[in-house]
Amino acid sequence: MNELNQNTWDDQHDAVNAAPNSHKILFENEKVRVVEVVVKPGQKEPMHHHKWPGVMVIDRPTNLKYYDENNVLDIVNTKNTTKVEWMDPEPMHAVENTDNNEEYHAIRVEIKQ
């Protein structure tokens, strides 16, 4: 994946195309896209990317495993408080919700460039 030029990233692997069970468009126009992200307990998303930067509002955090583009475990996040954070474009990755009972939920506001 070309990390320097997100415009060359394959739309087939865009989050809403590659992982439609966990990424749903709530609103989109030529400037912004708002995506709801839901990862059910025990679910691992298919590999996907986010080519635009934006703001992530995590209102239901869970224990997560984050896999890099080679499907190698990269980060383990333990459940913490809700948060709002800036997200740079993310190359190919997958997220697994390792909680047994709680659904991960966030809203990602992507700024189209």
Protein backbone atom coordinates (compact mmCIF):
# COMPACT_ATOMS: atom_id res chain seq x y z
CA MET A 1 0.00 0.00 0.00
CA ASN A 2 1.35 3.40 -0.96
CA GLU A 3 1.30 5.30 2.34
CA LEU A 4 2.46 8.58 0.80
CA ASN A 5 -0.31 8.99 -1.78
CA GLN A 6 -3.69 7.89 -0.48
CA ASN A 7 -5.28 8.70 -3.86
CA THR A 8 -3.68 5.53 -5.23
CA TRP A 9 -5.23 3.33 -2.54
CA ASP A 10 -7.65 0.77 -3.99
CA ASP A 11 -11.31 1.71 -3.41
CA GLN A 12 -12.10 -2.00 -3.14
CA HIS A 13 -10.30 -1.94 0.23
CA ASP A 14 -11.97 1.24 1.48
CA ALA A 15 -13.56 0.51 4.86
CA VAL A 16 -17.18 0.72 3.71
CA ASN A 17 -16.48 -1.57 0.74
CA ALA A 18 -14.16 -4.11 2.36
CA ALA A 19 -15.79 -4.21 5.81
CA PRO A 20 -19.47 -3.33 5.27
CA ASN A 21 -20.64 -5.26 8.34
CA SER A 22 -18.71 -2.87 10.58
CA HIS A 23 -18.67 0.40 8.56
CA LYS A 24 -21.86 2.21 7.55
CA ILE A 25 -22.05 5.62 5.85
CA LEU A 26 -24.34 7.96 7.79
CA PHE A 27 -23.67 11.02 5.64
CA GLU A 28 -21.47 11.86 2.66
CA ASN A 29 -20.86 14.76 0.32
CA GLU A 30 -17.88 16.09 -1.63
CA LYS A 31 -16.17 17.42 1.52
CA VAL A 32 -16.86 14.92 4.29
CA ARG A 33 -17.96 11.37 5.01
CA VAL A 34 -19.43 10.28 8.35
CA VAL A 35 -19.05 6.58 9.08
CA GLU A 36 -20.52 4.58 11.93
CA VAL A 37 -18.13 1.86 13.11
CA VAL A 38 -19.57 -1.13 14.98
CA VAL A 39 -17.50 -4.20 15.84
CA LYS A 40 -19.51 -6.90 17.59
CA PRO A 41 -18.06 -8.97 20.46
CA GLY A 42 -15.60 -11.56 19.17
CA GLN A 43 -15.71 -10.13 15.63
CA LYS A 44 -12.63 -9.39 13.52
CA GLU A 45 -13.11 -7.04 10.59
CA PRO A 46 -11.76 -7.83 7.13
CA MET A 47 -8.63 -5.94 6.11
CA HIS A 48 -9.42 -2.39 5.01
CA HIS A 49 -8.05 1.16 4.93
CA HIS A 50 -9.17 4.74 5.57
CA LYS A 51 -7.63 7.05 2.99
CA TRP A 52 -8.86 10.30 4.54
CA PRO A 53 -7.91 11.89 7.86
CA GLY A 54 -10.59 12.79 10.33
CA VAL A 55 -11.99 12.76 13.83
CA MET A 56 -12.94 9.54 15.61
CA VAL A 57 -15.54 9.73 18.38
CA ILE A 58 -15.37 6.52 20.40
CA ASP A 59 -18.46 6.33 22.57
CA ARG A 60 -18.36 2.58 23.40
CA PRO A 61 -14.76 1.42 23.79
CA THR A 62 -13.92 -2.27 24.18
CA ASN A 63 -10.83 -4.42 24.37
CA LEU A 64 -9.36 -4.45 20.86
CA LYS A 65 -6.58 -6.05 18.89
CA TYR A 66 -5.23 -4.05 15.93
CA TYR A 67 -3.63 -5.98 13.07
CA ASP A 68 -1.30 -4.36 10.52
CA GLU A 69 -1.40 -4.77 6.74
CA ASN A 70 0.38 -8.14 7.03
CA ASN A 71 -2.29 -9.38 9.48
CA VAL A 72 0.30 -9.32 12.27
CA LEU A 73 -0.90 -8.26 15.72
CA ASP A 74 0.40 -4.73 16.14
CA ILE A 75 -1.43 -3.17 19.12
CA VAL A 76 -3.58 -4.45 21.97
CA ASN A 77 -5.89 -1.79 23.43
CA THR A 78 -7.58 -2.39 26.72
CA LYS A 79 -10.96 -0.83 27.33
CA ASN A 80 -10.69 2.76 28.45
CA THR A 81 -12.96 5.78 28.62
CA THR A 82 -14.81 7.30 25.74
CA LYS A 83 -12.67 9.69 23.72
CA VAL A 84 -12.38 11.91 20.70
CA GLU A 85 -9.17 11.71 18.69
CA TRP A 86 -7.64 12.88 15.42
CA MET A 87 -6.95 10.05 12.99
CA ASP A 88 -4.47 10.30 10.14
CA PRO A 89 -5.17 8.15 7.08
CA GLU A 90 -4.80 4.49 8.05
CA PRO A 91 -3.21 1.99 5.68
CA MET A 92 -4.52 -1.57 5.51
CA HIS A 93 -5.47 -2.96 8.93
CA ALA A 94 -8.09 -5.00 10.77
CA VAL A 95 -9.57 -4.62 14.24
CA GLU A 96 -10.82 -7.43 16.47
CA ASN A 97 -13.18 -6.85 19.39
CA THR A 98 -11.99 -9.26 22.09
CA ASP A 99 -14.75 -8.37 24.56
CA ASN A 100 -17.25 -11.16 25.21
CA ASN A 101 -20.31 -9.00 25.75
CA GLU A 102 -19.78 -5.43 24.58
CA GLU A 103 -20.04 -3.96 21.12
CA TYR A 104 -17.40 -1.42 20.03
CA HIS A 105 -19.03 1.75 18.66
CA ALA A 106 -17.55 4.89 17.14
CA ILE A 107 -18.33 7.62 14.65
CA ARG A 108 -15.56 8.55 12.21
CA VAL A 109 -15.82 11.93 10.46
CA GLU A 110 -13.50 11.73 7.46
CA ILE A 111 -12.30 14.93 5.78
CA LYS A 112 -11.98 14.37 2.04
CA GLN A 113 -8.88 15.91 0.55
